[in-house]
Amino acid sequence: MSLIILVLPIAVMFLLFRSQKKRQAQAQTTQSAMVPGSAVRTIGGLYATVKSIGDSTVELEIAPGVFTHFAKNAIAAVIDPQEYDEIINGRPAEDEAAELADSEADAVDAEQTDAAEAVEDSISLEKAGEKTAK
């Protein structure tokens, strides 16, 4: 019984230290992956672009021409440019191009529909004018 009381706290401490070392290694990997121009997400959920990297801080561009400084350990993840574009613009670049083509096609369809309705209206007016003339 006393052996269990002695071994259990040691096992818990081992597991805690192990998970802490994993988090530290992941943070080190994230910090080493940061270069000026890379897209990042902070621990607060802010998405930005790295402008410059100091010893313990990172200068981030959060909007065009708007810069702020964050601690390096406040960077949660370095994200790839396509994912950053999807998050910032709300959709992937491919979808944006397809949507633009669809909207242009819809505009052409709407113009053709409007023209057809105008022709039908003028024909209806002509027929109504012929009936009143008789």
C-alpha atoms as a PDB file:
ATOM      1  CA  MET A   1       0.000   0.000   0.000  1.00  0.00           C
ATOM      2  CA  SER A   2       2.763   2.436   0.863  1.00  0.00           C
ATOM      3  CA  LEU A   3       4.442   1.553  -2.422  1.00  0.00           C
ATOM      4  CA  ILE A   4       1.353   2.758  -4.352  1.00  0.00           C
ATOM      5  CA  ILE A   5       1.320   6.012  -2.389  1.00  0.00           C
ATOM      6  CA  LEU A   6       4.959   6.541  -3.309  1.00  0.00           C
ATOM      7  CA  VAL A   7       4.752   5.506  -7.000  1.00  0.00           C
ATOM      8  CA  LEU A   8       1.512   7.320  -7.906  1.00  0.00           C
ATOM      9  CA  PRO A   9       2.806  10.904  -7.338  1.00  0.00           C
ATOM     10  CA  ILE A  10       5.991  10.077  -9.246  1.00  0.00           C
ATOM     11  CA  ALA A  11       3.973   8.793 -12.210  1.00  0.00           C
ATOM     12  CA  VAL A  12       1.765  11.901 -12.220  1.00  0.00           C
ATOM     13  CA  MET A  13       4.819  14.194 -12.120  1.00  0.00           C
ATOM     14  CA  PHE A  14       6.396  12.239 -14.981  1.00  0.00           C
ATOM     15  CA  LEU A  15       3.281  12.649 -17.146  1.00  0.00           C
ATOM     16  CA  LEU A  16       3.045  16.373 -16.365  1.00  0.00           C
ATOM     17  CA  PHE A  17       6.686  17.024 -17.236  1.00  0.00           C
ATOM     18  CA  ARG A  18       6.386  14.983 -20.419  1.00  0.00           C
ATOM     19  CA  SER A  19       3.413  16.974 -21.723  1.00  0.00           C
ATOM     20  CA  GLN A  20       5.125  20.238 -20.785  1.00  0.00           C
ATOM     21  CA  LYS A  21       8.231  19.246 -22.759  1.00  0.00           C
ATOM     22  CA  LYS A  22       6.029  18.453 -25.783  1.00  0.00           C
ATOM     23  CA  ARG A  23       4.412  21.892 -25.600  1.00  0.00           C
ATOM     24  CA  GLN A  24       7.813  23.563 -25.311  1.00  0.00           C
ATOM     25  CA  ALA A  25       9.128  21.650 -28.316  1.00  0.00           C
ATOM     26  CA  GLN A  26       6.045  22.598 -30.339  1.00  0.00           C
ATOM     27  CA  ALA A  27       6.441  26.267 -29.356  1.00  0.00           C
ATOM     28  CA  GLN A  28      10.102  26.164 -30.373  1.00  0.00           C
ATOM     29  CA  THR A  29       9.156  24.639 -33.744  1.00  0.00           C
ATOM     30  CA  THR A  30       6.523  27.328 -34.291  1.00  0.00           C
ATOM     31  CA  GLN A  31       8.953  30.118 -33.412  1.00  0.00           C
ATOM     32  CA  SER A  32      11.635  28.740 -35.705  1.00  0.00           C
ATOM     33  CA  ALA A  33       9.118  28.516 -38.581  1.00  0.00           C
ATOM     34  CA  MET A  34       8.343  32.245 -38.351  1.00  0.00           C
ATOM     35  CA  VAL A  35      10.006  34.427 -40.961  1.00  0.00           C
ATOM     36  CA  PRO A  36       9.086  37.935 -42.106  1.00  0.00           C
ATOM     37  CA  GLY A  37       6.113  37.641 -44.451  1.00  0.00           C
ATOM     38  CA  SER A  38       4.655  34.476 -42.920  1.00  0.00           C
ATOM     39  CA  ALA A  39       1.060  34.392 -41.710  1.00  0.00           C
ATOM     40  CA  VAL A  40       0.421  33.636 -38.031  1.00  0.00           C
ATOM     41  CA  ARG A  41      -2.372  33.197 -35.495  1.00  0.00           C
ATOM     42  CA  THR A  42      -1.891  34.467 -31.954  1.00  0.00           C
ATOM     43  CA  ILE A  43      -3.137  32.712 -28.834  1.00  0.00           C
ATOM     44  CA  GLY A  44      -5.912  35.309 -28.761  1.00  0.00           C
ATOM     45  CA  GLY A  45      -7.099  34.331 -32.254  1.00  0.00           C
ATOM     46  CA  LEU A  46      -5.670  37.355 -34.102  1.00  0.00           C
ATOM     47  CA  TYR A  47      -4.505  36.638 -37.664  1.00  0.00           C
ATOM     48  CA  ALA A  48      -1.624  38.740 -38.943  1.00  0.00           C
ATOM     49  CA  THR A  49       1.492  38.814 -41.105  1.00  0.00           C
ATOM     50  CA  VAL A  50       4.975  38.853 -39.566  1.00  0.00           C
ATOM     51  CA  LYS A  51       6.776  42.112 -40.346  1.00  0.00           C
ATOM     52  CA  SER A  52       9.951  41.552 -38.295  1.00  0.00           C
ATOM     53  CA  ILE A  53      11.260  39.278 -35.565  1.00  0.00           C
ATOM     54  CA  GLY A  54      13.207  40.446 -32.519  1.00  0.00           C
ATOM     55  CA  ASP A  55      14.833  38.544 -29.667  1.00  0.00           C
ATOM     56  CA  SER A  56      11.645  38.110 -27.643  1.00  0.00           C
ATOM     57  CA  THR A  57       9.017  39.970 -29.665  1.00  0.00           C
ATOM     58  CA  VAL A  58       7.439  39.818 -33.102  1.00  0.00           C
ATOM     59  CA  GLU A  59       6.147  42.813 -35.057  1.00  0.00           C
ATOM     60  CA  LEU A  60       2.873  41.901 -36.743  1.00  0.00           C
ATOM     61  CA  GLU A  61       0.916  43.685 -39.466  1.00  0.00           C
ATOM     62  CA  ILE A  62      -2.737  43.272 -38.478  1.00  0.00           C
ATOM     63  CA  ALA A  63      -4.095  45.489 -41.286  1.00  0.00           C
ATOM     64  CA  PRO A  64      -2.422  47.318 -44.163  1.00  0.00           C
ATOM     65  CA  GLY A  65      -0.090  49.837 -42.503  1.00  0.00           C
ATOM     66  CA  VAL A  66      -1.104  48.873 -38.936  1.00  0.00           C
ATOM     67  CA  PHE A  67       1.678  47.250 -36.897  1.00  0.00           C
ATOM     68  CA  THR A  68       1.760  45.880 -33.368  1.00  0.00           C
ATOM     69  CA  HIS A  69       4.228  44.011 -31.184  1.00  0.00           C
ATOM     70  CA  PHE A  70       3.577  40.626 -29.590  1.00  0.00           C
ATOM     71  CA  ALA A  71       5.683  38.335 -27.434  1.00  0.00           C
ATOM     72  CA  LYS A  72       7.041  35.388 -29.398  1.00  0.00           C
ATOM     73  CA  ASN A  73       5.311  32.953 -27.072  1.00  0.00           C
ATOM     74  CA  ALA A  74       1.960  34.593 -27.945  1.00  0.00           C
ATOM     75  CA  ILE A  75       2.154  33.112 -31.452  1.00  0.00           C
ATOM     76  CA  ALA A  76       0.016  29.964 -31.474  1.00  0.00           C
ATOM     77  CA  ALA A  77       0.622  28.828 -35.051  1.00  0.00           C
ATOM     78  CA  VAL A  78       2.292  29.675 -38.326  1.00  0.00           C
ATOM     79  CA  ILE A  79      -0.286  29.061 -41.051  1.00  0.00           C
ATOM     80  CA  ASP A  80       0.150  28.516 -44.767  1.00  0.00           C
ATOM     81  CA  PRO A  81      -0.690  31.399 -47.133  1.00  0.00           C
ATOM     82  CA  GLN A  82      -3.719  29.669 -48.700  1.00  0.00           C
ATOM     83  CA  GLU A  83      -5.333  29.033 -45.306  1.00  0.00           C
ATOM     84  CA  TYR A  84      -4.606  32.637 -44.298  1.00  0.00           C
ATOM     85  CA  ASP A  85      -6.270  33.890 -47.499  1.00  0.00           C
ATOM     86  CA  GLU A  86      -9.313  31.681 -46.843  1.00  0.00           C
ATOM     87  CA  ILE A  87      -9.636  33.040 -43.301  1.00  0.00           C
ATOM     88  CA  ILE A  88      -9.101  36.700 -44.153  1.00  0.00           C
ATOM     89  CA  ASN A  89     -11.172  36.764 -47.353  1.00  0.00           C
ATOM     90  CA  GLY A  90     -13.745  34.228 -46.218  1.00  0.00           C
ATOM     91  CA  ARG A  91     -13.236  31.799 -49.078  1.00  0.00           C
ATOM     92  CA  PRO A  92     -10.445  30.164 -51.091  1.00  0.00           C
ATOM     93  CA  ALA A  93      -8.973  32.010 -54.052  1.00  0.00           C
ATOM     94  CA  GLU A  94     -10.245  29.323 -56.456  1.00  0.00           C
ATOM     95  CA  ASP A  95     -13.799  29.753 -55.179  1.00  0.00           C
ATOM     96  CA  GLU A  96     -13.482  33.515 -55.548  1.00  0.00           C
ATOM     97  CA  ALA A  97     -12.526  33.190 -59.237  1.00  0.00           C
ATOM     98  CA  ALA A  98     -15.353  30.734 -59.851  1.00  0.00           C
ATOM     99  CA  GLU A  99     -17.815  33.001 -58.067  1.00  0.00           C
ATOM    100  CA  LEU A 100     -16.702  35.968 -60.175  1.00  0.00           C
ATOM    101  CA  ALA A 101     -17.295  33.959 -63.364  1.00  0.00           C
ATOM    102  CA  ASP A 102     -20.702  32.841 -62.048  1.00  0.00           C
ATOM    103  CA  SER A 103     -21.722  36.398 -61.187  1.00  0.00           C
ATOM    104  CA  GLU A 104     -20.735  37.588 -64.670  1.00  0.00           C
ATOM    105  CA  ALA A 105     -22.792  34.775 -66.211  1.00  0.00           C
ATOM    106  CA  ASP A 106     -25.733  35.676 -63.954  1.00  0.00           C
ATOM    107  CA  ALA A 107     -25.473  39.320 -65.060  1.00  0.00           C
ATOM    108  CA  VAL A 108     -25.601  38.285 -68.733  1.00  0.00           C
ATOM    109  CA  ASP A 109     -28.602  36.013 -68.024  1.00  0.00           C
ATOM    110  CA  ALA A 110     -30.373  38.855 -66.206  1.00  0.00           C
ATOM    111  CA  GLU A 111     -29.791  41.232 -69.135  1.00  0.00           C
ATOM    112  CA  GLN A 112     -31.137  38.666 -71.580  1.00  0.00           C
ATOM    113  CA  THR A 113     -34.193  38.028 -69.383  1.00  0.00           C
ATOM    114  CA  ASP A 114     -34.850  41.769 -69.066  1.00  0.00           C
ATOM    115  CA  ALA A 115     -34.592  42.198 -72.847  1.00  0.00           C
ATOM    116  CA  ALA A 116     -36.965  39.266 -73.475  1.00  0.00           C
ATOM    117  CA  GLU A 117     -39.486  40.685 -70.994  1.00  0.00           C
ATOM    118  CA  ALA A 118     -39.295  44.095 -72.663  1.00  0.00           C
ATOM    119  CA  VAL A 119     -40.024  42.529 -76.059  1.00  0.00           C
ATOM    120  CA  GLU A 120     -42.968  40.578 -74.620  1.00  0.00           C
ATOM    121  CA  ASP A 121     -44.331  43.748 -72.981  1.00  0.00           C
ATOM    122  CA  SER A 122     -44.136  45.698 -76.237  1.00  0.00           C
ATOM    123  CA  ILE A 123     -45.891  42.883 -78.118  1.00  0.00           C
ATOM    124  CA  SER A 124     -48.629  42.833 -75.457  1.00  0.00           C
ATOM    125  CA  LEU A 125     -49.041  46.601 -75.746  1.00  0.00           C
ATOM    126  CA  GLU A 126     -49.293  46.379 -79.549  1.00  0.00           C
ATOM    127  CA  LYS A 127     -51.969  43.698 -79.296  1.00  0.00           C
ATOM    128  CA  ALA A 128     -53.884  45.746 -76.725  1.00  0.00           C
ATOM    129  CA  GLY A 129     -53.639  48.793 -79.012  1.00  0.00           C
ATOM    130  CA  GLU A 130     -55.015  46.775 -81.949  1.00  0.00           C
ATOM    131  CA  LYS A 131     -57.985  45.604 -79.874  1.00  0.00           C
ATOM    132  CA  THR A 132     -58.884  49.127 -78.799  1.00  0.00           C
ATOM    133  CA  ALA A 133     -58.552  50.414 -82.353  1.00  0.00           C
ATOM    134  CA  LYS A 134     -61.152  47.924 -83.644  1.00  0.00           C
END
